[in-house]
């Protein structure tokens, strides 16, 4: 029987070969090690990883919103300066 590590490495390699790497998230390897050690189940690993991806998505959207608000504020400032108003 294959060890969990061998199974994981084989799946990671297969995904990478197909151009869809799955091990690029910073915390993925930590979760994988927990699964390999038997500390968590595969469904729990999947749930935790999806939660990490959701958190990343929320943080990215928040950063984009903040960036957009900053740019809007800068654009308003520039318009006021060009018009000579404050």
PDB file of N, CA and C in Angstrom:
ATOM      1  N   UNK A   1       0.840  -1.189   0.000  1.00  0.00           N
ATOM      2  CA  UNK A   1       0.000   0.000   0.000  1.00  0.00           C
ATOM      3  C   UNK A   1       0.881   1.247   0.000  1.00  0.00           C
ATOM      4  N   UNK A   2       0.494   2.210  -0.813  1.00  0.00           N
ATOM      5  CA  UNK A   2       1.243   3.462  -0.895  1.00  0.00           C
ATOM      6  C   UNK A   2       1.079   4.264   0.387  1.00  0.00           C
ATOM      7  N   UNK A   3       2.129   4.957   0.757  1.00  0.00           N
ATOM      8  CA  UNK A   3       2.028   5.844   1.907  1.00  0.00           C
ATOM      9  C   UNK A   3       1.272   7.100   1.487  1.00  0.00           C
ATOM     10  N   UNK A   4       0.759   7.803   2.462  1.00  0.00           N
ATOM     11  CA  UNK A   4       0.041   9.043   2.164  1.00  0.00           C
ATOM     12  C   UNK A   4       0.961  10.043   1.469  1.00  0.00           C
ATOM     13  N   UNK A   5       2.222  10.086   1.869  1.00  0.00           N
ATOM     14  CA  UNK A   5       3.167  11.012   1.248  1.00  0.00           C
ATOM     15  C   UNK A   5       3.343  10.678  -0.240  1.00  0.00           C
ATOM     16  N   UNK A   6       3.488   9.387  -0.551  1.00  0.00           N
ATOM     17  CA  UNK A   6       3.643   8.983  -1.956  1.00  0.00           C
ATOM     18  C   UNK A   6       2.404   9.347  -2.765  1.00  0.00           C
ATOM     19  N   UNK A   7       1.236   9.114  -2.184  1.00  0.00           N
ATOM     20  CA  UNK A   7      -0.017   9.457  -2.868  1.00  0.00           C
ATOM     21  C   UNK A   7      -0.065  10.963  -3.126  1.00  0.00           C
ATOM     22  N   UNK A   8       0.246  11.739  -2.101  1.00  0.00           N
ATOM     23  CA  UNK A   8       0.201  13.204  -2.230  1.00  0.00           C
ATOM     24  C   UNK A   8       1.181  13.693  -3.292  1.00  0.00           C
ATOM     25  N   UNK A   9       2.401  13.205  -3.255  1.00  0.00           N
ATOM     26  CA  UNK A   9       3.412  13.646  -4.228  1.00  0.00           C
ATOM     27  C   UNK A   9       3.012  13.268  -5.650  1.00  0.00           C
ATOM     28  N   UNK A  10       2.421  12.088  -5.808  1.00  0.00           N
ATOM     29  CA  UNK A  10       1.982  11.656  -7.136  1.00  0.00           C
ATOM     30  C   UNK A  10       0.864  12.565  -7.660  1.00  0.00           C
ATOM     31  N   UNK A  11      -0.081  12.919  -6.803  1.00  0.00           N
ATOM     32  CA  UNK A  11      -1.182  13.794  -7.217  1.00  0.00           C
ATOM     33  C   UNK A  11      -0.666  15.194  -7.528  1.00  0.00           C
ATOM     34  N   UNK A  12       0.225  15.705  -6.682  1.00  0.00           N
ATOM     35  CA  UNK A  12       0.804  17.040  -6.912  1.00  0.00           C
ATOM     36  C   UNK A  12       1.542  17.073  -8.248  1.00  0.00           C
ATOM     37  N   UNK A  13       2.334  16.037  -8.532  1.00  0.00           N
ATOM     38  CA  UNK A  13       3.074  15.967  -9.797  1.00  0.00           C
ATOM     39  C   UNK A  13       2.126  15.887 -10.988  1.00  0.00           C
ATOM     40  N   UNK A  14       1.079  15.094 -10.865  1.00  0.00           N
ATOM     41  CA  UNK A  14       0.108  14.951 -11.960  1.00  0.00           C
ATOM     42  C   UNK A  14      -0.566  16.288 -12.251  1.00  0.00           C
ATOM     43  N   UNK A  15      -0.957  16.989 -11.215  1.00  0.00           N
ATOM     44  CA  UNK A  15      -1.600  18.301 -11.405  1.00  0.00           C
ATOM     45  C   UNK A  15      -0.625  19.301 -12.024  1.00  0.00           C
ATOM     46  N   UNK A  16       0.617  19.293 -11.554  1.00  0.00           N
ATOM     47  CA  UNK A  16       1.631  20.200 -12.096  1.00  0.00           C
ATOM     48  C   UNK A  16       1.872  19.894 -13.578  1.00  0.00           C
ATOM     49  N   UNK A  17       1.945  18.605 -13.935  1.00  0.00           N
ATOM     50  CA  UNK A  17       2.149  18.205 -15.326  1.00  0.00           C
ATOM     51  C   UNK A  17       1.003  18.664 -16.220  1.00  0.00           C
ATOM     52  N   UNK A  18      -0.171  18.752 -15.661  1.00  0.00           N
ATOM     53  CA  UNK A  18      -1.346  19.190 -16.424  1.00  0.00           C
ATOM     54  C   UNK A  18      -1.487  20.711 -16.448  1.00  0.00           C
ATOM     55  N   UNK A  19      -0.515  21.404 -15.835  1.00  0.00           N
ATOM     56  CA  UNK A  19      -0.547  22.860 -15.833  1.00  0.00           C
ATOM     57  C   UNK A  19      -1.472  23.449 -14.782  1.00  0.00           C
ATOM     58  N   UNK A  20      -1.855  22.651 -13.799  1.00  0.00           N
ATOM     59  CA  UNK A  20      -2.749  23.097 -12.733  1.00  0.00           C
ATOM     60  C   UNK A  20      -2.151  22.783 -11.364  1.00  0.00           C
ATOM     61  N   UNK A  21      -1.038  23.436 -11.006  1.00  0.00           N
ATOM     62  CA  UNK A  21      -0.398  23.119  -9.723  1.00  0.00           C
ATOM     63  C   UNK A  21      -1.342  23.392  -8.553  1.00  0.00           C
ATOM     64  N   UNK A  22      -1.315  22.477  -7.587  1.00  0.00           N
ATOM     65  CA  UNK A  22      -2.201  22.634  -6.434  1.00  0.00           C
ATOM     66  C   UNK A  22      -1.432  22.981  -5.164  1.00  0.00           C
ATOM     67  N   UNK A  23      -0.125  23.023  -5.257  1.00  0.00           N
ATOM     68  CA  UNK A  23       0.683  23.221  -4.049  1.00  0.00           C
ATOM     69  C   UNK A  23       1.325  24.602  -3.978  1.00  0.00           C
ATOM     70  N   UNK A  24       0.691  25.600  -4.585  1.00  0.00           N
ATOM     71  CA  UNK A  24       1.278  26.936  -4.608  1.00  0.00           C
ATOM     72  C   UNK A  24       0.843  27.798  -3.427  1.00  0.00           C
ATOM     73  N   UNK A  25      -0.216  27.412  -2.737  1.00  0.00           N
ATOM     74  CA  UNK A  25      -0.681  28.191  -1.586  1.00  0.00           C
ATOM     75  C   UNK A  25       0.292  27.989  -0.430  1.00  0.00           C
ATOM     76  N   UNK A  26       0.649  29.073   0.270  1.00  0.00           N
ATOM     77  CA  UNK A  26       1.648  28.974   1.347  1.00  0.00           C
ATOM     78  C   UNK A  26       1.301  27.958   2.440  1.00  0.00           C
ATOM     79  N   UNK A  27       0.034  27.824   2.789  1.00  0.00           N
ATOM     80  CA  UNK A  27      -0.332  26.906   3.868  1.00  0.00           C
ATOM     81  C   UNK A  27      -0.714  25.511   3.389  1.00  0.00           C
ATOM     82  N   UNK A  28      -0.691  25.269   2.091  1.00  0.00           N
ATOM     83  CA  UNK A  28      -1.082  23.959   1.570  1.00  0.00           C
ATOM     84  C   UNK A  28      -0.200  22.848   2.132  1.00  0.00           C
ATOM     85  N   UNK A  29       1.096  23.057   2.110  1.00  0.00           N
ATOM     86  CA  UNK A  29       2.024  22.026   2.602  1.00  0.00           C
ATOM     87  C   UNK A  29       1.796  21.732   4.084  1.00  0.00           C
ATOM     88  N   UNK A  30       1.464  22.755   4.871  1.00  0.00           N
ATOM     89  CA  UNK A  30       1.176  22.525   6.291  1.00  0.00           C
ATOM     90  C   UNK A  30      -0.021  21.594   6.460  1.00  0.00           C
ATOM     91  N   UNK A  31      -1.084  21.873   5.697  1.00  0.00           N
ATOM     92  CA  UNK A  31      -2.261  21.010   5.754  1.00  0.00           C
ATOM     93  C   UNK A  31      -1.936  19.607   5.259  1.00  0.00           C
ATOM     94  N   UNK A  32      -1.146  19.543   4.197  1.00  0.00           N
ATOM     95  CA  UNK A  32      -0.763  18.246   3.655  1.00  0.00           C
ATOM     96  C   UNK A  32       0.005  17.421   4.687  1.00  0.00           C
ATOM     97  N   UNK A  33       0.912  18.059   5.397  1.00  0.00           N
ATOM     98  CA  UNK A  33       1.673  17.344   6.429  1.00  0.00           C
ATOM     99  C   UNK A  33       0.761  16.844   7.543  1.00  0.00           C
ATOM    100  N   UNK A  34      -0.246  17.635   7.907  1.00  0.00           N
ATOM    101  CA  UNK A  34      -1.199  17.181   8.919  1.00  0.00           C
ATOM    102  C   UNK A  34      -1.948  15.940   8.445  1.00  0.00           C
ATOM    103  N   UNK A  35      -2.335  15.923   7.153  1.00  0.00           N
ATOM    104  CA  UNK A  35      -3.022  14.768   6.594  1.00  0.00           C
ATOM    105  C   UNK A  35      -2.078  13.565   6.541  1.00  0.00           C
ATOM    106  N   UNK A  36      -0.853  13.782   6.089  1.00  0.00           N
ATOM    107  CA  UNK A  36       0.124  12.691   5.999  1.00  0.00           C
ATOM    108  C   UNK A  36       0.362  12.078   7.379  1.00  0.00           C
ATOM    109  N   UNK A  37       0.439  12.921   8.405  1.00  0.00           N
ATOM    110  CA  UNK A  37       0.648  12.432   9.771  1.00  0.00           C
ATOM    111  C   UNK A  37      -0.584  11.748  10.346  1.00  0.00           C
ATOM    112  N   UNK A  38      -1.718  11.902   9.679  1.00  0.00           N
ATOM    113  CA  UNK A  38      -2.951  11.304  10.182  1.00  0.00           C
ATOM    114  C   UNK A  38      -3.660  12.171  11.212  1.00  0.00           C
ATOM    115  N   UNK A  39      -3.216  13.426  11.350  1.00  0.00           N
ATOM    116  CA  UNK A  39      -3.822  14.340  12.326  1.00  0.00           C
ATOM    117  C   UNK A  39      -5.187  14.849  11.877  1.00  0.00           C
ATOM    118  N   UNK A  40      -5.388  14.921  10.557  1.00  0.00           N
ATOM    119  CA  UNK A  40      -6.678  15.353  10.018  1.00  0.00           C
ATOM    120  C   UNK A  40      -7.073  14.404   8.899  1.00  0.00           C
ATOM    121  N   UNK A  41      -8.359  14.370   8.615  1.00  0.00           N
ATOM    122  CA  UNK A  41      -8.865  13.542   7.521  1.00  0.00           C
ATOM    123  C   UNK A  41      -8.786  14.328   6.211  1.00  0.00           C
ATOM    124  N   UNK A  42      -8.936  13.636   5.108  1.00  0.00           N
ATOM    125  CA  UNK A  42      -8.930  14.315   3.809  1.00  0.00           C
ATOM    126  C   UNK A  42     -10.098  15.298   3.693  1.00  0.00           C
ATOM    127  N   UNK A  43     -11.320  14.929   4.128  1.00  0.00           N
ATOM    128  CA  UNK A  43     -12.394  15.941   4.074  1.00  0.00           C
ATOM    129  C   UNK A  43     -12.071  17.184   4.911  1.00  0.00           C
ATOM    130  N   UNK A  44     -11.439  16.988   6.067  1.00  0.00           N
ATOM    131  CA  UNK A  44     -11.075  18.143   6.887  1.00  0.00           C
ATOM    132  C   UNK A  44      -9.992  18.973   6.206  1.00  0.00           C
ATOM    133  N   UNK A  45      -9.031  18.308   5.576  1.00  0.00           N
ATOM    134  CA  UNK A  45      -7.987  19.030   4.849  1.00  0.00           C
ATOM    135  C   UNK A  45      -8.620  19.865   3.732  1.00  0.00           C
ATOM    136  N   UNK A  46      -9.526  19.250   3.011  1.00  0.00           N
ATOM    137  CA  UNK A  46     -10.209  19.952   1.922  1.00  0.00           C
ATOM    138  C   UNK A  46     -10.975  21.147   2.468  1.00  0.00           C
ATOM    139  N   UNK A  47     -11.728  20.970   3.564  1.00  0.00           N
ATOM    140  CA  UNK A  47     -12.513  22.050   4.150  1.00  0.00           C
ATOM    141  C   UNK A  47     -11.603  23.190   4.593  1.00  0.00           C
ATOM    142  N   UNK A  48     -10.501  22.849   5.255  1.00  0.00           N
ATOM    143  CA  UNK A  48      -9.576  23.888   5.733  1.00  0.00           C
ATOM    144  C   UNK A  48      -8.932  24.632   4.568  1.00  0.00           C
ATOM    145  N   UNK A  49      -8.588  23.890   3.518  1.00  0.00           N
ATOM    146  CA  UNK A  49      -7.956  24.530   2.360  1.00  0.00           C
ATOM    147  C   UNK A  49      -8.946  25.461   1.662  1.00  0.00           C
ATOM    148  N   UNK A  50     -10.183  25.009   1.488  1.00  0.00           N
ATOM    149  CA  UNK A  50     -11.197  25.871   0.875  1.00  0.00           C
ATOM    150  C   UNK A  50     -11.433  27.111   1.722  1.00  0.00           C
ATOM    151  N   UNK A  51     -11.386  26.965   3.045  1.00  0.00           N
ATOM    152  CA  UNK A  51     -11.528  28.117   3.924  1.00  0.00           C
ATOM    153  C   UNK A  51     -10.371  29.101   3.723  1.00  0.00           C
ATOM    154  N   UNK A  52      -9.148  28.584   3.580  1.00  0.00           N
ATOM    155  CA  UNK A  52      -7.998  29.455   3.307  1.00  0.00           C
ATOM    156  C   UNK A  52      -8.184  30.206   1.991  1.00  0.00           C
ATOM    157  N   UNK A  53      -8.665  29.505   0.969  1.00  0.00           N
ATOM    158  CA  UNK A  53      -8.891  30.150  -0.327  1.00  0.00           C
ATOM    159  C   UNK A  53      -9.957  31.229  -0.224  1.00  0.00           C
ATOM    160  N   UNK A  54     -11.013  30.950   0.550  1.00  0.00           N
ATOM    161  CA  UNK A  54     -12.066  31.965   0.751  1.00  0.00           C
ATOM    162  C   UNK A  54     -11.499  33.192   1.465  1.00  0.00           C
ATOM    163  N   UNK A  55     -10.695  32.957   2.487  1.00  0.00           N
ATOM    164  CA  UNK A  55     -10.079  34.076   3.213  1.00  0.00           C
ATOM    165  C   UNK A  55      -9.190  34.906   2.290  1.00  0.00           C
ATOM    166  N   UNK A  56      -8.419  34.226   1.446  1.00  0.00           N
ATOM    167  CA  UNK A  56      -7.570  34.935   0.480  1.00  0.00           C
ATOM    168  C   UNK A  56      -8.408  35.778  -0.469  1.00  0.00           C
ATOM    169  N   UNK A  57      -9.516  35.213  -0.918  1.00  0.00           N
ATOM    170  CA  UNK A  57     -10.391  35.914  -1.850  1.00  0.00           C
ATOM    171  C   UNK A  57     -10.989  37.163  -1.200  1.00  0.00           C
ATOM    172  N   UNK A  58     -11.435  37.040   0.048  1.00  0.00           N
ATOM    173  CA  UNK A  58     -11.993  38.177   0.772  1.00  0.00           C
ATOM    174  C   UNK A  58     -10.929  39.253   0.953  1.00  0.00           C
ATOM    175  N   UNK A  59      -9.732  38.848   1.338  1.00  0.00           N
ATOM    176  CA  UNK A  59      -8.646  39.813   1.539  1.00  0.00           C
ATOM    177  C   UNK A  59      -8.285  40.516   0.228  1.00  0.00           C
ATOM    178  N   UNK A  60      -8.268  39.761  -0.869  1.00  0.00           N
ATOM    179  CA  UNK A  60      -7.950  40.344  -2.181  1.00  0.00           C
ATOM    180  C   UNK A  60      -9.022  41.353  -2.592  1.00  0.00           C
ATOM    181  N   UNK A  61     -10.297  40.979  -2.400  1.00  0.00           N
ATOM    182  CA  UNK A  61     -11.384  41.898  -2.744  1.00  0.00           C
ATOM    183  C   UNK A  61     -11.337  43.152  -1.885  1.00  0.00           C
ATOM    184  N   UNK A  62     -11.043  42.982  -0.614  1.00  0.00           N
ATOM    185  CA  UNK A  62     -10.948  44.126   0.293  1.00  0.00           C
ATOM    186  C   UNK A  62      -9.812  45.055  -0.131  1.00  0.00           C
ATOM    187  N   UNK A  63      -8.678  44.480  -0.488  1.00  0.00           N
ATOM    188  CA  UNK A  63      -7.540  45.285  -0.935  1.00  0.00           C
ATOM    189  C   UNK A  63      -7.883  46.024  -2.229  1.00  0.00           C
ATOM    190  N   UNK A  64      -8.595  45.368  -3.134  1.00  0.00           N
ATOM    191  CA  UNK A  64      -8.978  46.010  -4.386  1.00  0.00           C
ATOM    192  C   UNK A  64      -9.941  47.155  -4.119  1.00  0.00           C
ATOM    193  N   UNK A  65     -10.880  46.934  -3.191  1.00  0.00           N
ATOM    194  CA  UNK A  65     -11.835  47.984  -2.850  1.00  0.00           C
ATOM    195  C   UNK A  65     -11.104  49.170  -2.238  1.00  0.00           C
ATOM    196  N   UNK A  66     -10.199  48.894  -1.302  1.00  0.00           N
ATOM    197  CA  UNK A  66      -9.444  49.972  -0.682  1.00  0.00           C
ATOM    198  C   UNK A  66      -8.601  50.701  -1.715  1.00  0.00           C
ATOM    199  N   UNK A  67      -7.982  49.964  -2.618  1.00  0.00           N
ATOM    200  CA  UNK A  67      -7.176  50.574  -3.673  1.00  0.00           C
ATOM    201  C   UNK A  67      -8.059  51.458  -4.551  1.00  0.00           C
ATOM    202  N   UNK A  68      -9.244  50.972  -4.882  1.00  0.00           N
ATOM    203  CA  UNK A  68     -10.165  51.760  -5.698  1.00  0.00           C
ATOM    204  C   UNK A  68     -10.611  53.018  -4.993  1.00  0.00           C
ATOM    205  N   UNK A  69     -10.875  52.918  -3.694  1.00  0.00           N
ATOM    206  CA  UNK A  69     -11.281  54.096  -2.935  1.00  0.00           C
ATOM    207  C   UNK A  69     -10.147  55.109  -2.849  1.00  0.00           C
ATOM    208  N   UNK A  70      -8.936  54.637  -2.657  1.00  0.00           N
ATOM    209  CA  UNK A  70      -7.776  55.533  -2.614  1.00  0.00           C
ATOM    210  C   UNK A  70      -7.597  56.220  -3.960  1.00  0.00           C
ATOM    211  N   UNK A  71      -7.735  55.453  -5.033  1.00  0.00           N
ATOM    212  CA  UNK A  71      -7.588  56.056  -6.365  1.00  0.00           C
ATOM    213  C   UNK A  71      -8.685  57.079  -6.631  1.00  0.00           C
ATOM    214  N   UNK A  72      -9.926  56.763  -6.210  1.00  0.00           N
ATOM    215  CA  UNK A  72     -11.018  57.722  -6.378  1.00  0.00           C
ATOM    216  C   UNK A  72     -10.719  59.007  -5.621  1.00  0.00           C
ATOM    217  N   UNK A  73     -10.227  58.880  -4.395  1.00  0.00           N
ATOM    218  CA  UNK A  73      -9.894  60.039  -3.585  1.00  0.00           C
ATOM    219  C   UNK A  73      -8.778  60.845  -4.247  1.00  0.00           C
ATOM    220  N   UNK A  74      -7.753  60.159  -4.771  1.00  0.00           N
ATOM    221  CA  UNK A  74      -6.648  60.849  -5.443  1.00  0.00           C
ATOM    222  C   UNK A  74      -7.156  61.567  -6.688  1.00  0.00           C
ATOM    223  N   UNK A  75      -8.029  60.910  -7.434  1.00  0.00           N
ATOM    224  CA  UNK A  75      -8.579  61.536  -8.640  1.00  0.00           C
ATOM    225  C   UNK A  75      -9.399  62.773  -8.288  1.00  0.00           C
ATOM    226  N   UNK A  76     -10.170  62.699  -7.196  1.00  0.00           N
ATOM    227  CA  UNK A  76     -10.941  63.865  -6.762  1.00  0.00           C
ATOM    228  C   UNK A  76     -10.010  64.997  -6.377  1.00  0.00           C
ATOM    229  N   UNK A  77      -8.940  64.673  -5.661  1.00  0.00           N
ATOM    230  CA  UNK A  77      -7.947  65.680  -5.272  1.00  0.00           C
ATOM    231  C   UNK A  77      -7.355  66.348  -6.512  1.00  0.00           C
ATOM    232  N   UNK A  78      -6.998  65.527  -7.503  1.00  0.00           N
ATOM    233  CA  UNK A  78      -6.389  66.064  -8.724  1.00  0.00           C
ATOM    234  C   UNK A  78      -7.374  66.958  -9.472  1.00  0.00           C
ATOM    235  N   UNK A  79      -8.647  66.560  -9.505  1.00  0.00           N
ATOM    236  CA  UNK A  79      -9.656  67.390 -10.176  1.00  0.00           C
ATOM    237  C   UNK A  79      -9.815  68.730  -9.456  1.00  0.00           C
ATOM    238  N   UNK A  80      -9.843  68.672  -8.121  1.00  0.00           N
ATOM    239  CA  UNK A  80      -9.975  69.914  -7.353  1.00  0.00           C
ATOM    240  C   UNK A  80      -8.766  70.817  -7.577  1.00  0.00           C
ATOM    241  N   UNK A  81      -7.582  70.251  -7.632  1.00  0.00           N
ATOM    242  CA  UNK A  81      -6.372  71.045  -7.858  1.00  0.00           C
ATOM    243  C   UNK A  81      -6.415  71.660  -9.254  1.00  0.00           C
ATOM    244  N   UNK A  82      -6.840  70.891 -10.248  1.00  0.00           N
ATOM    245  CA  UNK A  82      -6.903  71.395 -11.615  1.00  0.00           C
ATOM    246  C   UNK A  82      -7.923  72.508 -11.744  1.00  0.00           C
ATOM    247  N   UNK A  83      -9.026  72.388 -10.978  1.00  0.00           N
ATOM    248  CA  UNK A  83     -10.085  73.406 -11.035  1.00  0.00           C
ATOM    249  C   UNK A  83      -9.780  74.587 -10.115  1.00  0.00           C
ATOM    250  N   UNK A  84      -8.779  74.418  -9.265  1.00  0.00           N
ATOM    251  CA  UNK A  84      -8.438  75.479  -8.323  1.00  0.00           C
ATOM    252  C   UNK A  84      -9.361  75.521  -7.127  1.00  0.00           C
ATOM    253  N   UNK A  85     -10.053  74.401  -6.848  1.00  0.00           N
ATOM    254  CA  UNK A  85     -10.944  74.356  -5.691  1.00  0.00           C
ATOM    255  C   UNK A  85     -10.397  73.358  -4.681  1.00  0.00           C
ATOM    256  N   UNK A  86     -10.808  73.518  -3.435  1.00  0.00           N
ATOM    257  CA  UNK A  86     -10.379  72.583  -2.386  1.00  0.00           C
ATOM    258  C   UNK A  86     -11.536  71.922  -1.735  1.00  0.00           C
TER     259      UNK A  86
END
